[in-house]
């Protein structure tokens, strides 16, 4: 049996690991915070319709592990939605914001 056949599986595993690592790295670097906020604001307007506007949305850093941003979208004094975004820009959870009563 040729000597290279012993190393072929190891080389194949290293190549597969490199391809997966580069793919995940590209996804992580795909967008900036601004890109994600604009995308979520557009989603909010599409979901809520009516008087919903992109300027109703603000963002803050997430405090949970595995999350990157929390985008809160609500007109002043009214209820709305919170979108919890992971580092890849995917929405992991959507929560409701209750209207404020004074």
Protein backbone atom coordinates (compact mmCIF):
# COMPACT_ATOMS: atom_id res chain seq x y z
CA UNK A 1 0.00 0.00 0.00
CA UNK A 2 1.46 3.40 -0.94
CA UNK A 3 2.50 5.65 1.91
CA UNK A 4 0.31 8.60 0.77
CA UNK A 5 -2.85 6.54 1.38
CA UNK A 6 -2.16 6.65 5.11
CA UNK A 7 -2.17 10.45 5.06
CA UNK A 8 -5.09 10.97 2.65
CA UNK A 9 -7.81 10.87 5.37
CA UNK A 10 -5.91 13.36 7.53
CA UNK A 11 -5.43 15.73 4.59
CA UNK A 12 -9.13 15.42 3.71
CA UNK A 13 -10.16 16.28 7.30
CA UNK A 14 -7.85 19.31 7.37
CA UNK A 15 -9.24 20.54 4.05
CA UNK A 16 -12.85 20.08 5.20
CA UNK A 17 -12.14 21.92 8.46
CA UNK A 18 -10.57 24.81 6.53
CA UNK A 19 -13.57 25.09 4.20
CA UNK A 20 -16.05 25.07 7.11
CA UNK A 21 -13.97 27.62 9.06
CA UNK A 22 -13.73 29.99 6.11
CA UNK A 23 -17.45 29.66 5.44
CA UNK A 24 -18.40 30.50 9.04
CA UNK A 25 -15.90 33.36 9.11
CA UNK A 26 -17.41 34.86 5.99
CA UNK A 27 -20.89 34.69 7.53
CA UNK A 28 -19.66 36.39 10.71
CA UNK A 29 -18.15 39.25 8.74
CA UNK A 30 -21.07 39.62 6.36
CA UNK A 31 -22.68 42.71 7.85
CA UNK A 32 -22.12 45.63 10.15
CA UNK A 33 -24.36 46.72 13.00
CA UNK A 34 -25.89 49.39 10.75
CA UNK A 35 -26.71 46.82 8.05
CA UNK A 36 -28.48 44.61 10.57
CA UNK A 37 -30.43 47.50 12.14
CA UNK A 38 -31.61 48.72 8.72
CA UNK A 39 -32.65 45.17 7.78
CA UNK A 40 -34.59 44.67 11.02
CA UNK A 41 -36.24 48.11 10.71
CA UNK A 42 -37.46 47.15 7.23
CA UNK A 43 -38.80 43.86 8.62
CA UNK A 44 -40.60 45.73 11.40
CA UNK A 45 -42.27 48.09 8.92
CA UNK A 46 -43.32 45.14 6.74
CA UNK A 47 -44.75 43.22 9.72
CA UNK A 48 -46.53 46.10 11.45
CA UNK A 49 -47.61 48.13 8.42
CA UNK A 50 -49.76 51.20 9.03
CA UNK A 51 -47.93 53.93 10.91
CA UNK A 52 -44.77 51.90 11.56
CA UNK A 53 -41.62 53.73 10.47
CA UNK A 54 -37.95 52.71 10.41
CA UNK A 55 -37.08 55.60 12.75
CA UNK A 56 -39.09 53.84 15.49
CA UNK A 57 -36.18 51.39 15.86
CA UNK A 58 -33.18 51.66 18.18
CA UNK A 59 -30.49 49.12 19.02
CA UNK A 60 -28.37 48.22 22.00
CA UNK A 61 -25.76 45.53 22.64
CA UNK A 62 -27.17 42.25 23.90
CA UNK A 63 -26.10 41.05 27.34
CA UNK A 64 -26.84 37.35 26.74
CA UNK A 65 -24.19 34.96 25.48
CA UNK A 66 -24.65 34.11 21.83
CA UNK A 67 -26.51 37.30 21.03
CA UNK A 68 -25.09 40.43 19.44
CA UNK A 69 -27.80 43.11 19.32
CA UNK A 70 -31.29 43.83 20.57
CA UNK A 71 -33.27 46.00 18.16
CA UNK A 72 -36.32 47.63 19.78
CA UNK A 73 -38.97 49.01 17.46
CA UNK A 74 -41.87 50.96 18.93
CA UNK A 75 -43.48 54.33 18.25
CA UNK A 76 -43.15 56.70 21.24
CA UNK A 77 -45.59 55.75 24.00
CA UNK A 78 -46.88 52.67 22.19
CA UNK A 79 -46.14 48.97 22.14
CA UNK A 80 -43.88 47.33 19.61
CA UNK A 81 -41.38 44.54 19.15
CA UNK A 82 -37.87 43.60 20.23
CA UNK A 83 -35.69 41.56 17.91
CA UNK A 84 -32.82 39.57 19.43
CA UNK A 85 -30.02 39.15 16.87
CA UNK A 86 -27.11 36.69 16.93
CA UNK A 87 -23.61 37.42 15.58
CA UNK A 88 -24.52 36.06 12.16
CA UNK A 89 -27.33 38.61 11.79
CA UNK A 90 -30.13 36.09 12.27
CA UNK A 91 -33.17 36.84 14.42
CA UNK A 92 -33.19 34.38 17.33
CA UNK A 93 -36.25 35.65 19.19
CA UNK A 94 -38.95 38.29 18.77
CA UNK A 95 -40.49 39.74 21.93
CA UNK A 96 -43.36 42.14 22.46
CA UNK A 97 -42.96 45.55 24.08
CA UNK A 98 -45.96 46.56 26.17
CA UNK A 99 -47.35 50.08 25.73
CA UNK A 100 -46.24 52.52 28.42
CA UNK A 101 -48.89 53.89 30.70
CA UNK A 102 -48.27 57.08 32.60
